Amino acid sequence: MNEGEGGLSLFRAYRALPKYRPLIKYLSEDGIKVILQKTENYYMQEQSKNMNQADIPLFFNIDEKNRSVELTEKGVEYLSKGENDPNLFVLPDITKEIQELTSRETKEVIKLTDEKETLIQEYSVKSRRLHATSQLLKAYTLFDKIRNT
């Protein structure tokens, strides 16, 4: 196995579905887990500055240690397909936008209460949507299914 490309593919598979049984079985083979760890160390160095390169083809990634699931840019694009809002799953920087509205109020000497309420409501809806999506992905990928036998 070419450690560079193969290690990256293995690392991506692990970031996407760490509990996938065939992957777990493959990682138990001699030397494979070492390749995964070397690749992970490379992408995690310097505050994970290269991690976005590893996650480019993924729709989401899973941090099994922290039990978190995060949509990638590709995942956001995929889930937003067919919608009018390409930022359907992107939370705005609400602090910055409220400050901009407040600044506009001061300059133009007008009240922008409705715009602020709309911004807060939109943030709340997007936040709930992101949370629900994250929880669904987490439940589907991290937790074992209980089977009735």
N, C-alpha and C. Protein backbone atom coordinates (compact mmCIF):
# COMPACT_ATOMS: atom_id res chain seq x y z
N MET A 1 0.86 -1.18 0.00
CA MET A 1 0.00 0.00 0.00
C MET A 1 0.89 1.24 0.00
N ASN A 2 0.66 2.16 -0.91
CA ASN A 2 1.37 3.42 -0.93
C ASN A 2 0.89 4.22 0.28
N GLU A 3 1.82 4.49 1.20
CA GLU A 3 1.43 5.13 2.45
C GLU A 3 0.81 6.50 2.25
N GLY A 4 1.26 7.26 1.26
CA GLY A 4 0.72 8.60 1.05
C GLY A 4 -0.74 8.59 0.65
N GLU A 5 -1.02 8.08 -0.54
CA GLU A 5 -2.39 8.05 -1.05
C GLU A 5 -3.25 7.06 -0.28
N GLY A 6 -2.71 5.88 -0.04
CA GLY A 6 -3.45 4.86 0.69
C GLY A 6 -3.75 5.29 2.11
N GLY A 7 -2.77 5.92 2.74
CA GLY A 7 -2.96 6.40 4.11
C GLY A 7 -4.04 7.48 4.17
N LEU A 8 -4.03 8.36 3.17
CA LEU A 8 -5.04 9.41 3.12
C LEU A 8 -6.43 8.82 2.91
N SER A 9 -6.55 7.86 2.01
CA SER A 9 -7.84 7.20 1.78
C SER A 9 -8.32 6.48 3.04
N LEU A 10 -7.40 5.81 3.70
CA LEU A 10 -7.74 5.12 4.95
C LEU A 10 -8.18 6.13 6.02
N PHE A 11 -7.46 7.23 6.11
CA PHE A 11 -7.80 8.27 7.08
C PHE A 11 -9.18 8.88 6.79
N ARG A 12 -9.47 9.11 5.50
CA ARG A 12 -10.78 9.65 5.12
C ARG A 12 -11.89 8.67 5.49
N ALA A 13 -11.65 7.40 5.23
CA ALA A 13 -12.66 6.38 5.58
C ALA A 13 -12.90 6.38 7.09
N TYR A 14 -11.83 6.52 7.83
CA TYR A 14 -11.94 6.54 9.29
C TYR A 14 -12.66 7.79 9.77
N ARG A 15 -12.38 8.95 9.14
CA ARG A 15 -13.05 10.20 9.52
C ARG A 15 -14.53 10.17 9.16
N ALA A 16 -14.87 9.40 8.12
CA ALA A 16 -16.26 9.34 7.67
C ALA A 16 -17.09 8.34 8.47
N LEU A 17 -16.57 7.15 8.68
CA LEU A 17 -17.32 6.12 9.40
C LEU A 17 -16.38 5.25 10.25
N PRO A 18 -15.97 5.75 11.41
CA PRO A 18 -15.00 5.00 12.22
C PRO A 18 -15.53 3.67 12.76
N LYS A 19 -16.84 3.50 12.83
CA LYS A 19 -17.39 2.26 13.38
C LYS A 19 -17.82 1.28 12.30
N TYR A 20 -17.43 1.53 11.07
CA TYR A 20 -17.78 0.65 9.95
C TYR A 20 -17.04 -0.67 10.14
N ARG A 21 -17.77 -1.76 10.27
CA ARG A 21 -17.18 -3.06 10.62
C ARG A 21 -16.05 -3.51 9.68
N PRO A 22 -16.23 -3.42 8.35
CA PRO A 22 -15.12 -3.82 7.48
C PRO A 22 -13.86 -2.97 7.71
N LEU A 23 -14.04 -1.71 8.02
CA LEU A 23 -12.89 -0.84 8.30
C LEU A 23 -12.21 -1.27 9.59
N ILE A 24 -12.99 -1.54 10.60
CA ILE A 24 -12.43 -2.01 11.87
C ILE A 24 -11.64 -3.30 11.66
N LYS A 25 -12.20 -4.20 10.86
CA LYS A 25 -11.52 -5.47 10.57
C LYS A 25 -10.21 -5.21 9.83
N TYR A 26 -10.24 -4.32 8.86
CA TYR A 26 -9.04 -3.99 8.08
C TYR A 26 -7.96 -3.35 8.98
N LEU A 27 -8.38 -2.51 9.90
CA LEU A 27 -7.43 -1.85 10.81
C LEU A 27 -6.77 -2.84 11.76
N SER A 28 -7.36 -4.02 11.93
CA SER A 28 -6.76 -5.01 12.83
C SER A 28 -5.63 -5.79 12.15
N GLU A 29 -5.47 -5.62 10.83
CA GLU A 29 -4.38 -6.28 10.13
C GLU A 29 -3.05 -5.61 10.47
N ASP A 30 -1.96 -6.39 10.37
CA ASP A 30 -0.63 -5.90 10.72
C ASP A 30 -0.25 -4.65 9.94
N GLY A 31 0.17 -3.60 10.64
CA GLY A 31 0.72 -2.41 10.03
C GLY A 31 -0.29 -1.39 9.53
N ILE A 32 -1.54 -1.76 9.42
CA ILE A 32 -2.54 -0.86 8.86
C ILE A 32 -2.87 0.27 9.84
N LYS A 33 -3.02 -0.07 11.10
CA LYS A 33 -3.34 0.96 12.10
C LYS A 33 -2.18 1.97 12.22
N VAL A 34 -0.95 1.49 12.04
CA VAL A 34 0.23 2.38 12.09
C VAL A 34 0.16 3.40 10.95
N ILE A 35 -0.24 2.94 9.75
CA ILE A 35 -0.37 3.84 8.61
C ILE A 35 -1.44 4.89 8.91
N LEU A 36 -2.57 4.45 9.48
CA LEU A 36 -3.64 5.38 9.84
C LEU A 36 -3.14 6.41 10.85
N GLN A 37 -2.42 5.97 11.85
CA GLN A 37 -1.93 6.89 12.89
C GLN A 37 -0.92 7.87 12.34
N LYS A 38 -0.03 7.42 11.45
CA LYS A 38 0.95 8.33 10.83
C LYS A 38 0.23 9.40 10.01
N THR A 39 -0.75 8.97 9.24
CA THR A 39 -1.51 9.91 8.41
C THR A 39 -2.28 10.88 9.29
N GLU A 40 -2.91 10.37 10.33
CA GLU A 40 -3.67 11.23 11.24
C GLU A 40 -2.74 12.25 11.90
N ASN A 41 -1.56 11.82 12.33
CA ASN A 41 -0.60 12.74 12.94
C ASN A 41 -0.21 13.85 11.97
N TYR A 42 -0.01 13.50 10.70
CA TYR A 42 0.36 14.50 9.70
C TYR A 42 -0.75 15.55 9.55
N TYR A 43 -1.99 15.11 9.44
CA TYR A 43 -3.09 16.05 9.22
C TYR A 43 -3.50 16.79 10.50
N MET A 44 -3.15 16.25 11.66
CA MET A 44 -3.49 16.91 12.93
C MET A 44 -2.42 17.90 13.39
N GLN A 45 -1.22 17.84 12.80
CA GLN A 45 -0.14 18.72 13.25
C GLN A 45 -0.47 20.18 12.96
N GLU A 46 0.13 21.05 13.74
CA GLU A 46 -0.04 22.50 13.63
C GLU A 46 -1.52 22.89 13.68
N GLN A 47 -2.19 22.49 14.74
CA GLN A 47 -3.60 22.79 14.99
C GLN A 47 -4.50 22.35 13.82
N SER A 48 -4.23 21.21 13.27
CA SER A 48 -5.04 20.61 12.21
C SER A 48 -5.14 21.48 10.96
N LYS A 49 -4.06 22.19 10.63
CA LYS A 49 -4.13 23.13 9.50
C LYS A 49 -4.35 22.43 8.16
N ASN A 50 -3.98 21.15 8.04
CA ASN A 50 -4.17 20.42 6.78
C ASN A 50 -5.43 19.56 6.77
N MET A 51 -6.19 19.59 7.87
CA MET A 51 -7.36 18.72 7.99
C MET A 51 -8.39 19.00 6.89
N ASN A 52 -8.55 20.25 6.49
CA ASN A 52 -9.55 20.55 5.47
C ASN A 52 -9.21 19.87 4.14
N GLN A 53 -7.92 19.64 3.87
CA GLN A 53 -7.53 18.91 2.66
C GLN A 53 -8.01 17.46 2.73
N ALA A 54 -7.92 16.88 3.89
CA ALA A 54 -8.35 15.49 4.06
C ALA A 54 -9.87 15.37 3.95
N ASP A 55 -10.59 16.40 4.37
CA ASP A 55 -12.05 16.34 4.43
C ASP A 55 -12.74 16.80 3.15
N ILE A 56 -12.01 17.27 2.15
CA ILE A 56 -12.61 17.82 0.93
C ILE A 56 -13.65 16.88 0.31
N PRO A 57 -13.38 15.59 0.10
CA PRO A 57 -14.37 14.73 -0.56
C PRO A 57 -15.49 14.23 0.36
N LEU A 58 -15.42 14.53 1.65
CA LEU A 58 -16.41 14.01 2.60
C LEU A 58 -17.61 14.94 2.72
N PHE A 59 -18.78 14.37 3.01
CA PHE A 59 -19.98 15.15 3.26
C PHE A 59 -20.03 15.59 4.73
N PHE A 60 -19.45 14.79 5.59
CA PHE A 60 -19.35 15.11 7.01
C PHE A 60 -18.17 14.34 7.57
N ASN A 61 -17.72 14.78 8.73
CA ASN A 61 -16.66 14.03 9.40
C ASN A 61 -17.07 13.78 10.83
N ILE A 62 -16.49 12.75 11.37
CA ILE A 62 -16.84 12.32 12.72
C ILE A 62 -15.60 12.38 13.60
N ASP A 63 -15.75 13.00 14.75
CA ASP A 63 -14.71 12.99 15.76
C ASP A 63 -15.21 12.05 16.85
N GLU A 64 -14.76 10.80 16.75
CA GLU A 64 -15.28 9.77 17.64
C GLU A 64 -14.92 10.05 19.11
N LYS A 65 -13.74 10.61 19.34
CA LYS A 65 -13.30 10.88 20.72
C LYS A 65 -14.23 11.89 21.39
N ASN A 66 -14.62 12.93 20.66
CA ASN A 66 -15.50 13.97 21.22
C ASN A 66 -16.97 13.71 20.92
N ARG A 67 -17.23 12.60 20.24
CA ARG A 67 -18.59 12.23 19.85
C ARG A 67 -19.30 13.39 19.14
N SER A 68 -18.62 13.94 18.14
CA SER A 68 -19.23 15.03 17.39
C SER A 68 -19.20 14.74 15.89
N VAL A 69 -20.16 15.30 15.20
CA VAL A 69 -20.28 15.15 13.76
C VAL A 69 -20.38 16.56 13.18
N GLU A 70 -19.63 16.81 12.12
CA GLU A 70 -19.62 18.14 11.53
C GLU A 70 -19.79 18.03 10.02
N LEU A 71 -20.71 18.82 9.48
CA LEU A 71 -20.88 18.87 8.03
C LEU A 71 -19.69 19.56 7.40
N THR A 72 -19.26 19.07 6.25
CA THR A 72 -18.20 19.75 5.51
C THR A 72 -18.86 20.67 4.48
N GLU A 73 -18.05 21.44 3.76
CA GLU A 73 -18.59 22.32 2.73
C GLU A 73 -19.36 21.51 1.69
N LYS A 74 -18.83 20.36 1.33
CA LYS A 74 -19.49 19.50 0.35
C LYS A 74 -20.83 19.01 0.89
N GLY A 75 -20.89 18.69 2.16
CA GLY A 75 -22.14 18.26 2.78
C GLY A 75 -23.17 19.36 2.82
N VAL A 76 -22.73 20.57 3.13
CA VAL A 76 -23.64 21.72 3.16
C VAL A 76 -24.21 21.96 1.75
N GLU A 77 -23.33 21.91 0.74
CA GLU A 77 -23.79 22.08 -0.64
C GLU A 77 -24.79 21.00 -1.01
N TYR A 78 -24.51 19.76 -0.65
CA TYR A 78 -25.40 18.65 -0.99
C TYR A 78 -26.76 18.81 -0.33
N LEU A 79 -26.78 19.12 0.95
CA LEU A 79 -28.04 19.26 1.66
C LEU A 79 -28.83 20.49 1.23
N SER A 80 -28.14 21.50 0.71
CA SER A 80 -28.80 22.73 0.28
C SER A 80 -29.29 22.66 -1.16
N LYS A 81 -28.99 21.56 -1.85
CA LYS A 81 -29.42 21.41 -3.25
C LYS A 81 -30.93 21.57 -3.36
N GLY A 82 -31.36 22.29 -4.38
CA GLY A 82 -32.78 22.45 -4.62
C GLY A 82 -33.43 23.52 -3.76
N GLU A 83 -32.66 24.13 -2.89
CA GLU A 83 -33.17 25.21 -2.05
C GLU A 83 -32.75 26.55 -2.63
N ASN A 84 -33.49 27.58 -2.30
CA ASN A 84 -33.15 28.92 -2.77
C ASN A 84 -31.98 29.51 -2.01
N ASP A 85 -31.72 29.00 -0.82
CA ASP A 85 -30.68 29.54 0.04
C ASP A 85 -29.47 28.60 0.06
N PRO A 86 -28.35 28.98 -0.60
CA PRO A 86 -27.17 28.11 -0.58
C PRO A 86 -26.54 28.03 0.81
N ASN A 87 -26.90 28.95 1.69
CA ASN A 87 -26.37 28.96 3.06
C ASN A 87 -27.38 28.38 4.05
N LEU A 88 -28.20 27.45 3.57
CA LEU A 88 -29.25 26.86 4.38
C LEU A 88 -28.72 26.25 5.68
N PHE A 89 -27.51 25.71 5.64
CA PHE A 89 -26.92 25.06 6.82
C PHE A 89 -25.69 25.81 7.33
N VAL A 90 -25.59 27.11 7.01
CA VAL A 90 -24.46 27.90 7.46
C VAL A 90 -24.97 28.96 8.44
N LEU A 91 -24.44 28.91 9.66
CA LEU A 91 -24.84 29.91 10.65
C LEU A 91 -24.14 31.23 10.39
N PRO A 92 -24.91 32.31 10.37
CA PRO A 92 -24.27 33.62 10.18
C PRO A 92 -23.56 34.05 11.46
N ASP A 93 -22.63 34.97 11.32
CA ASP A 93 -21.96 35.55 12.49
C ASP A 93 -22.92 36.60 13.05
N ILE A 94 -23.78 36.17 13.96
CA ILE A 94 -24.87 37.02 14.43
C ILE A 94 -24.36 38.27 15.15
N THR A 95 -23.28 38.14 15.88
CA THR A 95 -22.73 39.29 16.59
C THR A 95 -22.31 40.37 15.60
N LYS A 96 -21.60 39.98 14.57
CA LYS A 96 -21.14 40.93 13.55
C LYS A 96 -22.33 41.59 12.85
N GLU A 97 -23.33 40.79 12.49
CA GLU A 97 -24.47 41.33 11.77
C GLU A 97 -25.31 42.27 12.64
N ILE A 98 -25.46 41.97 13.93
CA ILE A 98 -26.18 42.86 14.85
C ILE A 98 -25.41 44.17 14.99
N GLN A 99 -24.08 44.08 15.09
CA GLN A 99 -23.27 45.30 15.19
C GLN A 99 -23.42 46.16 13.94
N GLU A 100 -23.47 45.52 12.76
CA GLU A 100 -23.65 46.27 11.52
C GLU A 100 -25.01 46.97 11.49
N LEU A 101 -26.06 46.27 11.95
CA LEU A 101 -27.38 46.89 12.01
C LEU A 101 -27.41 48.06 13.00
N THR A 102 -26.76 47.87 14.15
CA THR A 102 -26.69 48.93 15.14
C THR A 102 -25.94 50.14 14.60
N SER A 103 -24.86 49.88 13.88
CA SER A 103 -24.09 50.96 13.26
C SER A 103 -24.94 51.71 12.23
N ARG A 104 -25.70 50.95 11.43
CA ARG A 104 -26.59 51.58 10.45
C ARG A 104 -27.65 52.43 11.13
N GLU A 105 -28.19 51.93 12.25
CA GLU A 105 -29.19 52.68 13.02
C GLU A 105 -28.63 54.03 13.46
N THR A 106 -27.40 54.00 13.94
CA THR A 106 -26.76 55.22 14.42
C THR A 106 -26.53 56.22 13.28
N LYS A 107 -26.03 55.72 12.15
CA LYS A 107 -25.74 56.60 11.02
C LYS A 107 -27.01 57.18 10.40
N GLU A 108 -28.00 56.32 10.22
CA GLU A 108 -29.21 56.75 9.51
C GLU A 108 -30.31 57.23 10.45
N VAL A 109 -30.07 57.17 11.74
CA VAL A 109 -31.01 57.58 12.78
C VAL A 109 -32.41 56.96 12.52
N ILE A 110 -32.40 55.64 12.39
CA ILE A 110 -33.65 54.89 12.21
C ILE A 110 -33.63 53.66 13.10
N LYS A 111 -34.80 53.10 13.31
CA LYS A 111 -34.90 51.87 14.10
C LYS A 111 -34.94 50.68 13.16
N LEU A 112 -34.10 49.70 13.40
CA LEU A 112 -34.06 48.49 12.59
C LEU A 112 -34.45 47.27 13.42
N THR A 113 -35.43 47.44 14.30
CA THR A 113 -35.86 46.38 15.19
C THR A 113 -36.35 45.17 14.42
N ASP A 114 -37.14 45.41 13.36
CA ASP A 114 -37.67 44.28 12.58
C ASP A 114 -36.54 43.48 11.94
N GLU A 115 -35.52 44.18 11.40
CA GLU A 115 -34.40 43.50 10.77
C GLU A 115 -33.63 42.66 11.80
N LYS A 116 -33.46 43.22 13.01
CA LYS A 116 -32.77 42.48 14.07
C LYS A 116 -33.56 41.23 14.46
N GLU A 117 -34.88 41.39 14.61
CA GLU A 117 -35.72 40.25 14.97
C GLU A 117 -35.68 39.18 13.89
N THR A 118 -35.71 39.60 12.61
CA THR A 118 -35.64 38.66 11.50
C THR A 118 -34.32 37.92 11.52
N LEU A 119 -33.23 38.65 11.76
CA LEU A 119 -31.90 38.04 11.82
C LEU A 119 -31.81 37.01 12.94
N ILE A 120 -32.32 37.35 14.10
CA ILE A 120 -32.29 36.45 15.26
C ILE A 120 -33.16 35.22 15.00
N GLN A 121 -34.32 35.44 14.39
CA GLN A 121 -35.21 34.31 14.09
C GLN A 121 -34.57 33.38 13.05
N GLU A 122 -33.96 33.96 12.02
CA GLU A 122 -33.29 33.17 10.99
C GLU A 122 -32.14 32.36 11.60
N TYR A 123 -31.38 32.99 12.49
CA TYR A 123 -30.29 32.31 13.17
C TYR A 123 -30.82 31.14 13.99
N SER A 124 -31.92 31.36 14.67
CA SER A 124 -32.51 30.32 15.51
C SER A 124 -32.97 29.12 14.67
N VAL A 125 -33.61 29.40 13.55
CA VAL A 125 -34.08 28.32 12.67
C VAL A 125 -32.90 27.53 12.12
N LYS A 126 -31.87 28.23 11.64
CA LYS A 126 -30.69 27.56 11.10
C LYS A 126 -29.97 26.76 12.19
N SER A 127 -29.91 27.31 13.37
CA SER A 127 -29.25 26.63 14.48
C SER A 127 -29.97 25.32 14.81
N ARG A 128 -31.29 25.37 14.87
CA ARG A 128 -32.07 24.15 15.15
C ARG A 128 -31.90 23.13 14.01
N ARG A 129 -31.91 23.61 12.77
CA ARG A 129 -31.76 22.72 11.61
C ARG A 129 -30.39 22.04 11.66
N LEU A 130 -29.35 22.81 11.94
CA LEU A 130 -27.99 22.25 12.02
C LEU A 130 -27.88 21.25 13.15
N HIS A 131 -28.47 21.59 14.29
CA HIS A 131 -28.42 20.70 15.45
C HIS A 131 -29.13 19.39 15.14
N ALA A 132 -30.31 19.47 14.54
CA ALA A 132 -31.07 18.26 14.22
C ALA A 132 -30.30 17.39 13.23
N THR A 133 -29.72 18.01 12.21
CA THR A 133 -28.94 17.26 11.22
C THR A 133 -27.74 16.60 11.88
N SER A 134 -27.07 17.34 12.73
CA SER A 134 -25.91 16.81 13.43
C SER A 134 -26.31 15.63 14.32
N GLN A 135 -27.42 15.75 15.02
CA GLN A 135 -27.87 14.68 15.91
C GLN A 135 -28.27 13.43 15.11
N LEU A 136 -28.92 13.64 13.96
CA LEU A 136 -29.28 12.50 13.11
C LEU A 136 -28.04 11.78 12.59
N LEU A 137 -27.07 12.55 12.12
CA LEU A 137 -25.83 11.95 11.63
C LEU A 137 -25.10 11.21 12.76
N LYS A 138 -25.09 11.84 13.91
CA LYS A 138 -24.41 11.22 15.06
C LYS A 138 -25.10 9.91 15.45
N ALA A 139 -26.42 9.92 15.50
CA ALA A 139 -27.15 8.71 15.86
C ALA A 139 -26.93 7.62 14.83
N TYR A 140 -26.94 7.98 13.57
CA TYR A 140 -26.79 7.00 12.50
C TYR A 140 -25.37 6.42 12.44
N THR A 141 -24.37 7.23 12.73
CA THR A 141 -23.00 6.79 12.52
C THR A 141 -22.27 6.33 13.78
N LEU A 142 -22.60 6.87 14.92
CA LEU A 142 -21.81 6.57 16.12
C LEU A 142 -22.44 5.55 17.06
N PHE A 143 -23.74 5.44 17.03
CA PHE A 143 -24.38 4.58 18.01
C PHE A 143 -24.83 3.26 17.38
N ASP A 144 -24.61 2.20 18.12
CA ASP A 144 -25.01 0.88 17.63
C ASP A 144 -26.53 0.77 17.63
N LYS A 145 -27.02 0.08 16.63
CA LYS A 145 -28.47 -0.12 16.52
C LYS A 145 -28.88 -1.24 17.46
N ILE A 146 -29.99 -1.04 18.11
CA ILE A 146 -30.55 -2.09 18.99
C ILE A 146 -31.46 -2.93 18.12
N ARG A 147 -31.19 -4.20 18.09
CA ARG A 147 -31.99 -5.10 17.24
C ARG A 147 -32.87 -5.98 18.11
N ASN A 148 -34.10 -6.09 17.67
CA ASN A 148 -35.02 -7.02 18.36
C ASN A 148 -34.77 -8.41 17.81
N THR A 149 -34.46 -9.33 18.68
CA THR A 149 -34.22 -10.70 18.23
C THR A 149 -35.13 -11.66 18.92
